[in-house]
């Protein structure tokens, strides 16, 4: 019993390092207009730990937009069995078109109008 309680407090403390009020959504598809931005997913590290080597200024261009890192929060992970720390991944639409991007192992259909 003691170890279960200790494990729970350790896991809650790790999640507290991220903003547990910022529950990062995972989208399978998004529709945007040019210039619009949306959080499409979260990038997590090991269960219960913040991902390492996260550069807040990192961007990655896609065919119709740009991916960038956002605020710290938590994602609901089936692998981890609950909420775990993560950083937002934001898609910003740059030109009209359709594409499928992959973020943290999840494929997301993007339509830019």
PDB file of N, CA and C in Angstrom:
ATOM      1  N   UNK A   1       0.826  -1.189   0.000  1.00  0.00           N
ATOM      2  CA  UNK A   1       0.000   0.000   0.000  1.00  0.00           C
ATOM      3  C   UNK A   1       0.870   1.252   0.000  1.00  0.00           C
ATOM      4  N   UNK A   2       1.900   1.267   0.839  1.00  0.00           N
ATOM      5  CA  UNK A   2       2.786   2.422   0.930  1.00  0.00           C
ATOM      6  C   UNK A   2       3.425   2.732  -0.412  1.00  0.00           C
ATOM      7  N   UNK A   3       3.871   1.676  -1.120  1.00  0.00           N
ATOM      8  CA  UNK A   3       4.548   1.884  -2.400  1.00  0.00           C
ATOM      9  C   UNK A   3       3.595   2.416  -3.464  1.00  0.00           C
ATOM     10  N   UNK A   4       2.347   1.963  -3.443  1.00  0.00           N
ATOM     11  CA  UNK A   4       1.353   2.489  -4.382  1.00  0.00           C
ATOM     12  C   UNK A   4       1.129   3.977  -4.134  1.00  0.00           C
ATOM     13  N   UNK A   5       1.025   4.341  -2.875  1.00  0.00           N
ATOM     14  CA  UNK A   5       0.828   5.737  -2.507  1.00  0.00           C
ATOM     15  C   UNK A   5       2.041   6.577  -2.893  1.00  0.00           C
ATOM     16  N   UNK A   6       3.226   6.073  -2.631  1.00  0.00           N
ATOM     17  CA  UNK A   6       4.461   6.769  -2.983  1.00  0.00           C
ATOM     18  C   UNK A   6       4.549   6.955  -4.501  1.00  0.00           C
ATOM     19  N   UNK A   7       4.257   5.906  -5.257  1.00  0.00           N
ATOM     20  CA  UNK A   7       4.276   5.983  -6.719  1.00  0.00           C
ATOM     21  C   UNK A   7       3.286   7.035  -7.218  1.00  0.00           C
ATOM     22  N   UNK A   8       2.103   7.077  -6.656  1.00  0.00           N
ATOM     23  CA  UNK A   8       1.086   8.056  -7.053  1.00  0.00           C
ATOM     24  C   UNK A   8       1.587   9.474  -6.807  1.00  0.00           C
ATOM     25  N   UNK A   9       2.189   9.734  -5.646  1.00  0.00           N
ATOM     26  CA  UNK A   9       2.707  11.069  -5.344  1.00  0.00           C
ATOM     27  C   UNK A   9       3.857  11.447  -6.278  1.00  0.00           C
ATOM     28  N   UNK A  10       4.712  10.492  -6.602  1.00  0.00           N
ATOM     29  CA  UNK A  10       5.819  10.769  -7.525  1.00  0.00           C
ATOM     30  C   UNK A  10       5.269  11.121  -8.902  1.00  0.00           C
ATOM     31  N   UNK A  11       4.290  10.355  -9.396  1.00  0.00           N
ATOM     32  CA  UNK A  11       3.713  10.610 -10.710  1.00  0.00           C
ATOM     33  C   UNK A  11       2.998  11.954 -10.723  1.00  0.00           C
ATOM     34  N   UNK A  12       2.255  12.269  -9.691  1.00  0.00           N
ATOM     35  CA  UNK A  12       1.562  13.555  -9.630  1.00  0.00           C
ATOM     36  C   UNK A  12       2.554  14.704  -9.564  1.00  0.00           C
ATOM     37  N   UNK A  13       3.635  14.509  -8.859  1.00  0.00           N
ATOM     38  CA  UNK A  13       4.670  15.540  -8.776  1.00  0.00           C
ATOM     39  C   UNK A  13       5.321  15.778 -10.124  1.00  0.00           C
ATOM     40  N   UNK A  14       5.535  14.726 -10.911  1.00  0.00           N
ATOM     41  CA  UNK A  14       6.121  14.875 -12.240  1.00  0.00           C
ATOM     42  C   UNK A  14       5.184  15.624 -13.160  1.00  0.00           C
ATOM     43  N   UNK A  15       3.908  15.291 -13.096  1.00  0.00           N
ATOM     44  CA  UNK A  15       2.937  15.985 -13.935  1.00  0.00           C
ATOM     45  C   UNK A  15       2.843  17.445 -13.515  1.00  0.00           C
ATOM     46  N   UNK A  16       3.071  17.714 -12.235  1.00  0.00           N
ATOM     47  CA  UNK A  16       2.998  19.093 -11.762  1.00  0.00           C
ATOM     48  C   UNK A  16       4.086  19.964 -12.366  1.00  0.00           C
ATOM     49  N   UNK A  17       5.168  19.363 -12.881  1.00  0.00           N
ATOM     50  CA  UNK A  17       6.204  20.139 -13.549  1.00  0.00           C
ATOM     51  C   UNK A  17       5.679  20.775 -14.823  1.00  0.00           C
ATOM     52  N   UNK A  18       4.619  20.211 -15.370  1.00  0.00           N
ATOM     53  CA  UNK A  18       3.948  20.780 -16.530  1.00  0.00           C
ATOM     54  C   UNK A  18       2.674  21.450 -16.021  1.00  0.00           C
ATOM     55  N   UNK A  19       2.035  22.229 -16.876  1.00  0.00           N
ATOM     56  CA  UNK A  19       0.790  22.895 -16.491  1.00  0.00           C
ATOM     57  C   UNK A  19      -0.355  21.905 -16.672  1.00  0.00           C
ATOM     58  N   UNK A  20      -0.789  21.283 -15.591  1.00  0.00           N
ATOM     59  CA  UNK A  20      -1.841  20.269 -15.686  1.00  0.00           C
ATOM     60  C   UNK A  20      -3.189  20.863 -16.078  1.00  0.00           C
ATOM     61  N   UNK A  21      -3.317  22.198 -15.992  1.00  0.00           N
ATOM     62  CA  UNK A  21      -4.542  22.849 -16.465  1.00  0.00           C
ATOM     63  C   UNK A  21      -4.573  22.970 -17.983  1.00  0.00           C
ATOM     64  N   UNK A  22      -3.406  22.836 -18.624  1.00  0.00           N
ATOM     65  CA  UNK A  22      -3.321  22.900 -20.082  1.00  0.00           C
ATOM     66  C   UNK A  22      -3.359  21.481 -20.637  1.00  0.00           C
ATOM     67  N   UNK A  23      -4.558  20.970 -20.853  1.00  0.00           N
ATOM     68  CA  UNK A  23      -4.726  19.626 -21.397  1.00  0.00           C
ATOM     69  C   UNK A  23      -4.661  19.717 -22.921  1.00  0.00           C
ATOM     70  N   UNK A  24      -3.562  19.229 -23.474  1.00  0.00           N
ATOM     71  CA  UNK A  24      -3.278  19.355 -24.898  1.00  0.00           C
ATOM     72  C   UNK A  24      -4.116  18.350 -25.687  1.00  0.00           C
ATOM     73  N   UNK A  25      -4.885  18.821 -26.681  1.00  0.00           N
ATOM     74  CA  UNK A  25      -5.716  17.916 -27.475  1.00  0.00           C
ATOM     75  C   UNK A  25      -4.894  17.171 -28.521  1.00  0.00           C
ATOM     76  N   UNK A  26      -5.433  16.049 -28.968  1.00  0.00           N
ATOM     77  CA  UNK A  26      -4.860  15.320 -30.093  1.00  0.00           C
ATOM     78  C   UNK A  26      -5.914  15.301 -31.188  1.00  0.00           C
ATOM     79  N   UNK A  27      -5.609  15.943 -32.302  1.00  0.00           N
ATOM     80  CA  UNK A  27      -6.549  16.005 -33.423  1.00  0.00           C
ATOM     81  C   UNK A  27      -6.167  14.995 -34.489  1.00  0.00           C
ATOM     82  N   UNK A  28      -7.157  14.427 -35.146  1.00  0.00           N
ATOM     83  CA  UNK A  28      -6.934  13.547 -36.301  1.00  0.00           C
ATOM     84  C   UNK A  28      -7.079  14.319 -37.604  1.00  0.00           C
ATOM     85  N   UNK A  29      -7.825  15.450 -37.538  1.00  0.00           N
ATOM     86  CA  UNK A  29      -7.961  16.321 -38.704  1.00  0.00           C
ATOM     87  C   UNK A  29      -8.297  17.732 -38.240  1.00  0.00           C
ATOM     88  N   UNK A  30      -7.822  18.716 -39.004  1.00  0.00           N
ATOM     89  CA  UNK A  30      -8.105  20.118 -38.707  1.00  0.00           C
ATOM     90  C   UNK A  30      -8.375  20.860 -40.009  1.00  0.00           C
ATOM     91  N   UNK A  31      -9.224  21.894 -39.933  1.00  0.00           N
ATOM     92  CA  UNK A  31      -9.503  22.766 -41.064  1.00  0.00           C
ATOM     93  C   UNK A  31      -9.202  24.191 -40.625  1.00  0.00           C
ATOM     94  N   UNK A  32      -8.372  24.888 -41.400  1.00  0.00           N
ATOM     95  CA  UNK A  32      -7.960  26.240 -41.051  1.00  0.00           C
ATOM     96  C   UNK A  32      -8.003  27.142 -42.280  1.00  0.00           C
ATOM     97  N   UNK A  33      -7.933  28.435 -42.035  1.00  0.00           N
ATOM     98  CA  UNK A  33      -7.737  29.395 -43.108  1.00  0.00           C
ATOM     99  C   UNK A  33      -6.287  29.866 -43.038  1.00  0.00           C
ATOM    100  N   UNK A  34      -5.790  30.422 -44.129  1.00  0.00           N
ATOM    101  CA  UNK A  34      -4.409  30.897 -44.180  1.00  0.00           C
ATOM    102  C   UNK A  34      -4.179  31.913 -43.052  1.00  0.00           C
ATOM    103  N   UNK A  35      -3.092  31.726 -42.310  1.00  0.00           N
ATOM    104  CA  UNK A  35      -2.750  32.605 -41.198  1.00  0.00           C
ATOM    105  C   UNK A  35      -3.239  32.111 -39.850  1.00  0.00           C
ATOM    106  N   UNK A  36      -4.133  31.156 -39.841  1.00  0.00           N
ATOM    107  CA  UNK A  36      -4.693  30.624 -38.599  1.00  0.00           C
ATOM    108  C   UNK A  36      -3.756  29.566 -38.011  1.00  0.00           C
ATOM    109  N   UNK A  37      -3.761  29.446 -36.673  1.00  0.00           N
ATOM    110  CA  UNK A  37      -2.944  28.451 -35.967  1.00  0.00           C
ATOM    111  C   UNK A  37      -3.813  27.633 -35.031  1.00  0.00           C
ATOM    112  N   UNK A  38      -3.410  26.376 -34.803  1.00  0.00           N
ATOM    113  CA  UNK A  38      -4.135  25.507 -33.878  1.00  0.00           C
ATOM    114  C   UNK A  38      -3.156  24.498 -33.266  1.00  0.00           C
ATOM    115  N   UNK A  39      -3.381  24.172 -31.992  1.00  0.00           N
ATOM    116  CA  UNK A  39      -2.612  23.109 -31.343  1.00  0.00           C
ATOM    117  C   UNK A  39      -3.147  21.794 -31.892  1.00  0.00           C
ATOM    118  N   UNK A  40      -2.275  21.008 -32.542  1.00  0.00           N
ATOM    119  CA  UNK A  40      -2.722  19.760 -33.162  1.00  0.00           C
ATOM    120  C   UNK A  40      -2.417  18.522 -32.324  1.00  0.00           C
ATOM    121  N   UNK A  41      -1.415  18.617 -31.448  1.00  0.00           N
ATOM    122  CA  UNK A  41      -1.019  17.455 -30.659  1.00  0.00           C
ATOM    123  C   UNK A  41      -0.017  17.908 -29.612  1.00  0.00           C
ATOM    124  N   UNK A  42       0.426  16.966 -28.796  1.00  0.00           N
ATOM    125  CA  UNK A  42       1.458  17.234 -27.809  1.00  0.00           C
ATOM    126  C   UNK A  42       2.592  16.251 -27.973  1.00  0.00           C
ATOM    127  N   UNK A  43       3.804  16.699 -27.702  1.00  0.00           N
ATOM    128  CA  UNK A  43       4.977  15.844 -27.779  1.00  0.00           C
ATOM    129  C   UNK A  43       5.395  15.507 -26.360  1.00  0.00           C
ATOM    130  N   UNK A  44       5.344  14.226 -26.020  1.00  0.00           N
ATOM    131  CA  UNK A  44       5.667  13.798 -24.660  1.00  0.00           C
ATOM    132  C   UNK A  44       7.001  13.064 -24.629  1.00  0.00           C
ATOM    133  N   UNK A  45       7.559  12.963 -23.448  1.00  0.00           N
ATOM    134  CA  UNK A  45       8.780  12.192 -23.245  1.00  0.00           C
ATOM    135  C   UNK A  45       8.417  10.856 -22.618  1.00  0.00           C
ATOM    136  N   UNK A  46       9.301  10.362 -21.755  1.00  0.00           N
ATOM    137  CA  UNK A  46       9.001   9.139 -21.015  1.00  0.00           C
ATOM    138  C   UNK A  46       7.811   9.409 -20.113  1.00  0.00           C
ATOM    139  N   UNK A  47       7.039   8.381 -19.854  1.00  0.00           N
ATOM    140  CA  UNK A  47       5.845   8.536 -19.023  1.00  0.00           C
ATOM    141  C   UNK A  47       6.184   9.220 -17.695  1.00  0.00           C
ATOM    142  N   UNK A  48       5.436  10.284 -17.397  1.00  0.00           N
ATOM    143  CA  UNK A  48       5.617  10.994 -16.144  1.00  0.00           C
ATOM    144  C   UNK A  48       6.746  12.007 -16.149  1.00  0.00           C
ATOM    145  N   UNK A  49       7.498  12.121 -17.262  1.00  0.00           N
ATOM    146  CA  UNK A  49       8.618  13.050 -17.330  1.00  0.00           C
ATOM    147  C   UNK A  49       8.446  13.978 -18.525  1.00  0.00           C
ATOM    148  N   UNK A  50       8.914  15.213 -18.365  1.00  0.00           N
ATOM    149  CA  UNK A  50       8.913  16.150 -19.485  1.00  0.00           C
ATOM    150  C   UNK A  50       9.828  15.626 -20.583  1.00  0.00           C
ATOM    151  N   UNK A  51       9.485  15.863 -21.844  1.00  0.00           N
ATOM    152  CA  UNK A  51      10.404  15.464 -22.908  1.00  0.00           C
ATOM    153  C   UNK A  51      11.690  16.295 -22.822  1.00  0.00           C
ATOM    154  N   UNK A  52      12.805  15.669 -23.124  1.00  0.00           N
ATOM    155  CA  UNK A  52      14.082  16.375 -23.072  1.00  0.00           C
ATOM    156  C   UNK A  52      14.399  16.983 -24.438  1.00  0.00           C
ATOM    157  N   UNK A  53      15.332  17.884 -24.461  1.00  0.00           N
ATOM    158  CA  UNK A  53      15.798  18.535 -25.690  1.00  0.00           C
ATOM    159  C   UNK A  53      14.682  19.220 -26.474  1.00  0.00           C
ATOM    160  N   UNK A  54      13.753  19.856 -25.791  1.00  0.00           N
ATOM    161  CA  UNK A  54      12.687  20.598 -26.455  1.00  0.00           C
ATOM    162  C   UNK A  54      13.159  22.035 -26.647  1.00  0.00           C
ATOM    163  N   UNK A  55      13.297  22.438 -27.901  1.00  0.00           N
ATOM    164  CA  UNK A  55      13.709  23.804 -28.230  1.00  0.00           C
ATOM    165  C   UNK A  55      12.457  24.637 -28.458  1.00  0.00           C
ATOM    166  N   UNK A  56      12.196  25.639 -27.612  1.00  0.00           N
ATOM    167  CA  UNK A  56      10.970  26.425 -27.762  1.00  0.00           C
ATOM    168  C   UNK A  56      10.920  27.222 -29.062  1.00  0.00           C
ATOM    169  N   UNK A  57      12.069  27.424 -29.702  1.00  0.00           N
ATOM    170  CA  UNK A  57      12.107  28.191 -30.945  1.00  0.00           C
ATOM    171  C   UNK A  57      12.132  27.323 -32.199  1.00  0.00           C
ATOM    172  N   UNK A  58      12.069  26.007 -32.022  1.00  0.00           N
ATOM    173  CA  UNK A  58      12.151  25.099 -33.175  1.00  0.00           C
ATOM    174  C   UNK A  58      10.887  25.189 -34.022  1.00  0.00           C
ATOM    175  N   UNK A  59      11.086  25.261 -35.332  1.00  0.00           N
ATOM    176  CA  UNK A  59       9.973  25.203 -36.273  1.00  0.00           C
ATOM    177  C   UNK A  59      10.308  24.174 -37.341  1.00  0.00           C
ATOM    178  N   UNK A  60       9.271  23.657 -37.964  1.00  0.00           N
ATOM    179  CA  UNK A  60       9.452  22.696 -39.050  1.00  0.00           C
ATOM    180  C   UNK A  60       8.423  23.025 -40.116  1.00  0.00           C
ATOM    181  N   UNK A  61       8.895  23.272 -41.329  1.00  0.00           N
ATOM    182  CA  UNK A  61       7.982  23.594 -42.420  1.00  0.00           C
ATOM    183  C   UNK A  61       7.360  22.323 -42.985  1.00  0.00           C
ATOM    184  N   UNK A  62       6.085  22.423 -43.319  1.00  0.00           N
ATOM    185  CA  UNK A  62       5.390  21.359 -44.036  1.00  0.00           C
ATOM    186  C   UNK A  62       5.001  21.942 -45.391  1.00  0.00           C
ATOM    187  N   UNK A  63       4.297  21.187 -46.184  1.00  0.00           N
ATOM    188  CA  UNK A  63       3.928  21.656 -47.516  1.00  0.00           C
ATOM    189  C   UNK A  63       3.044  22.905 -47.468  1.00  0.00           C
ATOM    190  N   UNK A  64       2.111  22.965 -46.504  1.00  0.00           N
ATOM    191  CA  UNK A  64       1.152  24.069 -46.441  1.00  0.00           C
ATOM    192  C   UNK A  64       1.194  24.871 -45.145  1.00  0.00           C
ATOM    193  N   UNK A  65       2.189  24.626 -44.313  1.00  0.00           N
ATOM    194  CA  UNK A  65       2.245  25.369 -43.066  1.00  0.00           C
ATOM    195  C   UNK A  65       3.539  25.167 -42.317  1.00  0.00           C
ATOM    196  N   UNK A  66       3.503  25.523 -41.040  1.00  0.00           N
ATOM    197  CA  UNK A  66       4.671  25.420 -40.171  1.00  0.00           C
ATOM    198  C   UNK A  66       4.256  24.807 -38.835  1.00  0.00           C
ATOM    199  N   UNK A  67       5.092  23.909 -38.333  1.00  0.00           N
ATOM    200  CA  UNK A  67       4.900  23.329 -37.002  1.00  0.00           C
ATOM    201  C   UNK A  67       5.866  24.016 -36.041  1.00  0.00           C
ATOM    202  N   UNK A  68       5.374  24.351 -34.863  1.00  0.00           N
ATOM    203  CA  UNK A  68       6.231  24.968 -33.851  1.00  0.00           C
ATOM    204  C   UNK A  68       5.837  24.451 -32.479  1.00  0.00           C
ATOM    205  N   UNK A  69       6.727  24.631 -31.518  1.00  0.00           N
ATOM    206  CA  UNK A  69       6.450  24.213 -30.143  1.00  0.00           C
ATOM    207  C   UNK A  69       5.733  25.331 -29.405  1.00  0.00           C
ATOM    208  N   UNK A  70       4.833  24.949 -28.502  1.00  0.00           N
ATOM    209  CA  UNK A  70       4.069  25.917 -27.726  1.00  0.00           C
ATOM    210  C   UNK A  70       4.359  25.795 -26.249  1.00  0.00           C
ATOM    211  N   UNK A  71       3.304  25.897 -25.446  1.00  0.00           N
ATOM    212  CA  UNK A  71       3.420  25.883 -23.984  1.00  0.00           C
ATOM    213  C   UNK A  71       3.497  24.446 -23.457  1.00  0.00           C
ATOM    214  N   UNK A  72       3.939  24.348 -22.213  1.00  0.00           N
ATOM    215  CA  UNK A  72       3.938  23.056 -21.521  1.00  0.00           C
ATOM    216  C   UNK A  72       2.527  22.741 -21.061  1.00  0.00           C
ATOM    217  N   UNK A  73       2.216  21.466 -21.046  1.00  0.00           N
ATOM    218  CA  UNK A  73       0.927  21.003 -20.574  1.00  0.00           C
ATOM    219  C   UNK A  73       0.986  19.507 -20.354  1.00  0.00           C
ATOM    220  N   UNK A  74      -0.146  18.863 -20.493  1.00  0.00           N
ATOM    221  CA  UNK A  74      -0.221  17.409 -20.343  1.00  0.00           C
ATOM    222  C   UNK A  74      -1.052  16.820 -21.479  1.00  0.00           C
ATOM    223  N   UNK A  75      -0.721  15.583 -21.852  1.00  0.00           N
ATOM    224  CA  UNK A  75      -1.516  14.842 -22.829  1.00  0.00           C
ATOM    225  C   UNK A  75      -2.016  13.567 -22.168  1.00  0.00           C
ATOM    226  N   UNK A  76      -3.154  13.097 -22.618  1.00  0.00           N
ATOM    227  CA  UNK A  76      -3.673  11.822 -22.128  1.00  0.00           C
ATOM    228  C   UNK A  76      -3.059  10.737 -23.004  1.00  0.00           C
ATOM    229  N   UNK A  77      -2.268   9.890 -22.400  1.00  0.00           N
ATOM    230  CA  UNK A  77      -1.526   8.866 -23.128  1.00  0.00           C
ATOM    231  C   UNK A  77      -2.026   7.476 -22.767  1.00  0.00           C
ATOM    232  N   UNK A  78      -2.393   6.723 -23.801  1.00  0.00           N
ATOM    233  CA  UNK A  78      -2.785   5.326 -23.560  1.00  0.00           C
ATOM    234  C   UNK A  78      -1.581   4.512 -23.118  1.00  0.00           C
ATOM    235  N   UNK A  79      -0.415   4.807 -23.704  1.00  0.00           N
ATOM    236  CA  UNK A  79       0.800   4.081 -23.354  1.00  0.00           C
ATOM    237  C   UNK A  79       1.160   4.292 -21.887  1.00  0.00           C
ATOM    238  N   UNK A  80       1.009   5.540 -21.423  1.00  0.00           N
ATOM    239  CA  UNK A  80       1.369   5.866 -20.032  1.00  0.00           C
ATOM    240  C   UNK A  80       0.236   5.575 -19.055  1.00  0.00           C
ATOM    241  N   UNK A  81      -0.953   5.349 -19.557  1.00  0.00           N
ATOM    242  CA  UNK A  81      -2.076   5.042 -18.687  1.00  0.00           C
ATOM    243  C   UNK A  81      -2.689   6.260 -18.022  1.00  0.00           C
ATOM    244  N   UNK A  82      -2.549   7.425 -18.640  1.00  0.00           N
ATOM    245  CA  UNK A  82      -3.145   8.632 -18.068  1.00  0.00           C
ATOM    246  C   UNK A  82      -2.420   9.879 -18.530  1.00  0.00           C
ATOM    247  N   UNK A  83      -2.530  10.934 -17.741  1.00  0.00           N
ATOM    248  CA  UNK A  83      -1.941  12.224 -18.100  1.00  0.00           C
ATOM    249  C   UNK A  83      -0.442  12.207 -17.868  1.00  0.00           C
ATOM    250  N   UNK A  84       0.304  12.783 -18.817  1.00  0.00           N
ATOM    251  CA  UNK A  84       1.758  12.865 -18.713  1.00  0.00           C
ATOM    252  C   UNK A  84       2.234  14.202 -19.302  1.00  0.00           C
ATOM    253  N   UNK A  85       3.333  14.762 -18.809  1.00  0.00           N
ATOM    254  CA  UNK A  85       3.815  16.052 -19.302  1.00  0.00           C
ATOM    255  C   UNK A  85       4.138  16.026 -20.793  1.00  0.00           C
ATOM    256  N   UNK A  86       3.883  17.158 -21.452  1.00  0.00           N
ATOM    257  CA  UNK A  86       4.143  17.284 -22.881  1.00  0.00           C
ATOM    258  C   UNK A  86       4.255  18.758 -23.246  1.00  0.00           C
ATOM    259  N   UNK A  87       4.698  19.012 -24.464  1.00  0.00           N
ATOM    260  CA  UNK A  87       4.741  20.367 -24.993  1.00  0.00           C
ATOM    261  C   UNK A  87       3.800  20.421 -26.199  1.00  0.00           C
ATOM    262  N   UNK A  88       3.086  21.539 -26.344  1.00  0.00           N
ATOM    263  CA  UNK A  88       2.163  21.701 -27.462  1.00  0.00           C
ATOM    264  C   UNK A  88       2.922  21.701 -28.790  1.00  0.00           C
ATOM    265  N   UNK A  89       2.290  21.131 -29.818  1.00  0.00           N
ATOM    266  CA  UNK A  89       2.783  21.250 -31.184  1.00  0.00           C
ATOM    267  C   UNK A  89       1.702  22.019 -31.938  1.00  0.00           C
ATOM    268  N   UNK A  90       2.101  23.174 -32.488  1.00  0.00           N
ATOM    269  CA  UNK A  90       1.160  24.095 -33.126  1.00  0.00           C
ATOM    270  C   UNK A  90       1.373  24.095 -34.633  1.00  0.00           C
ATOM    271  N   UNK A  91       0.267  23.978 -35.391  1.00  0.00           N
ATOM    272  CA  UNK A  91       0.324  24.095 -36.847  1.00  0.00           C
ATOM    273  C   UNK A  91      -0.196  25.471 -37.230  1.00  0.00           C
ATOM    274  N   UNK A  92       0.587  26.198 -38.045  1.00  0.00           N
ATOM    275  CA  UNK A  92       0.173  27.491 -38.574  1.00  0.00           C
ATOM    276  C   UNK A  92       0.042  27.367 -40.080  1.00  0.00           C
ATOM    277  N   UNK A  93      -1.154  27.672 -40.609  1.00  0.00           N
ATOM    278  CA  UNK A  93      -1.435  27.548 -42.043  1.00  0.00           C
ATOM    279  C   UNK A  93      -0.747  28.674 -42.814  1.00  0.00           C
ATOM    280  N   UNK A  94      -0.030  28.322 -43.884  1.00  0.00           N
ATOM    281  CA  UNK A  94       0.699  29.308 -44.690  1.00  0.00           C
ATOM    282  C   UNK A  94       0.135  29.479 -46.098  1.00  0.00           C
ATOM    283  N   UNK A  95      -0.400  28.374 -46.689  1.00  0.00           N
ATOM    284  CA  UNK A  95      -1.013  28.487 -48.015  1.00  0.00           C
ATOM    285  C   UNK A  95      -2.073  27.413 -48.181  1.00  0.00           C
ATOM    286  N   UNK A  96      -2.980  27.621 -49.132  1.00  0.00           N
ATOM    287  CA  UNK A  96      -4.123  26.728 -49.332  1.00  0.00           C
ATOM    288  C   UNK A  96      -3.678  25.372 -49.863  1.00  0.00           C
ATOM    289  N   UNK A  97      -4.347  24.334 -49.358  1.00  0.00           N
ATOM    290  CA  UNK A  97      -4.073  22.983 -49.806  1.00  0.00           C
ATOM    291  C   UNK A  97      -4.429  21.960 -48.744  1.00  0.00           C
ATOM    292  N   UNK A  98      -4.181  20.701 -49.074  1.00  0.00           N
ATOM    293  CA  UNK A  98      -4.446  19.584 -48.149  1.00  0.00           C
ATOM    294  C   UNK A  98      -3.192  18.736 -48.016  1.00  0.00           C
ATOM    295  N   UNK A  99      -2.941  18.284 -46.803  1.00  0.00           N
ATOM    296  CA  UNK A  99      -1.807  17.397 -46.561  1.00  0.00           C
ATOM    297  C   UNK A  99      -2.060  16.572 -45.311  1.00  0.00           C
ATOM    298  N   UNK A 100      -1.285  15.523 -45.163  1.00  0.00           N
ATOM    299  CA  UNK A 100      -1.299  14.723 -43.944  1.00  0.00           C
ATOM    300  C   UNK A 100       0.076  14.863 -43.314  1.00  0.00           C
ATOM    301  N   UNK A 101       0.099  15.291 -42.055  1.00  0.00           N
ATOM    302  CA  UNK A 101       1.360  15.448 -41.327  1.00  0.00           C
ATOM    303  C   UNK A 101       1.403  14.411 -40.206  1.00  0.00           C
ATOM    304  N   UNK A 102       2.583  14.151 -39.712  1.00  0.00           N
ATOM    305  CA  UNK A 102       2.729  13.236 -38.578  1.00  0.00           C
ATOM    306  C   UNK A 102       3.373  13.984 -37.427  1.00  0.00           C
ATOM    307  N   UNK A 103       2.705  13.949 -36.290  1.00  0.00           N
ATOM    308  CA  UNK A 103       3.201  14.610 -35.083  1.00  0.00           C
ATOM    309  C   UNK A 103       3.154  13.612 -33.945  1.00  0.00           C
ATOM    310  N   UNK A 104       4.309  13.333 -33.365  1.00  0.00           N
ATOM    311  CA  UNK A 104       4.426  12.420 -32.224  1.00  0.00           C
ATOM    312  C   UNK A 104       3.763  11.070 -32.520  1.00  0.00           C
ATOM    313  N   UNK A 105       3.946  10.592 -33.744  1.00  0.00           N
ATOM    314  CA  UNK A 105       3.418   9.289 -34.124  1.00  0.00           C
ATOM    315  C   UNK A 105       1.963   9.273 -34.537  1.00  0.00           C
ATOM    316  N   UNK A 106       1.305  10.430 -34.554  1.00  0.00           N
ATOM    317  CA  UNK A 106      -0.110  10.524 -34.932  1.00  0.00           C
ATOM    318  C   UNK A 106      -0.228  11.228 -36.281  1.00  0.00           C
ATOM    319  N   UNK A 107      -0.948  10.604 -37.212  1.00  0.00           N
ATOM    320  CA  UNK A 107      -1.188  11.230 -38.510  1.00  0.00           C
ATOM    321  C   UNK A 107      -2.380  12.164 -38.405  1.00  0.00           C
ATOM    322  N   UNK A 108      -2.185  13.381 -38.930  1.00  0.00           N
ATOM    323  CA  UNK A 108      -3.218  14.410 -38.851  1.00  0.00           C
ATOM    324  C   UNK A 108      -3.480  14.958 -40.242  1.00  0.00           C
ATOM    325  N   UNK A 109      -4.755  14.925 -40.654  1.00  0.00           N
ATOM    326  CA  UNK A 109      -5.143  15.485 -41.957  1.00  0.00           C
ATOM    327  C   UNK A 109      -5.374  16.974 -41.773  1.00  0.00           C
ATOM    328  N   UNK A 110      -4.735  17.780 -42.634  1.00  0.00           N
ATOM    329  CA  UNK A 110      -4.823  19.226 -42.539  1.00  0.00           C
ATOM    330  C   UNK A 110      -5.416  19.758 -43.843  1.00  0.00           C
ATOM    331  N   UNK A 111      -6.441  20.612 -43.716  1.00  0.00           N
ATOM    332  CA  UNK A 111      -7.038  21.278 -44.867  1.00  0.00           C
ATOM    333  C   UNK A 111      -6.938  22.780 -44.610  1.00  0.00           C
ATOM    334  N   UNK A 112      -6.271  23.474 -45.531  1.00  0.00           N
ATOM    335  CA  UNK A 112      -6.117  24.929 -45.413  1.00  0.00           C
ATOM    336  C   UNK A 112      -6.938  25.584 -46.515  1.00  0.00           C
ATOM    337  N   UNK A 113      -7.883  26.450 -46.125  1.00  0.00           N
ATOM    338  CA  UNK A 113      -8.749  27.141 -47.109  1.00  0.00           C
ATOM    339  C   UNK A 113      -8.261  28.546 -47.324  1.00  0.00           C
TER     340      UNK A 113
END
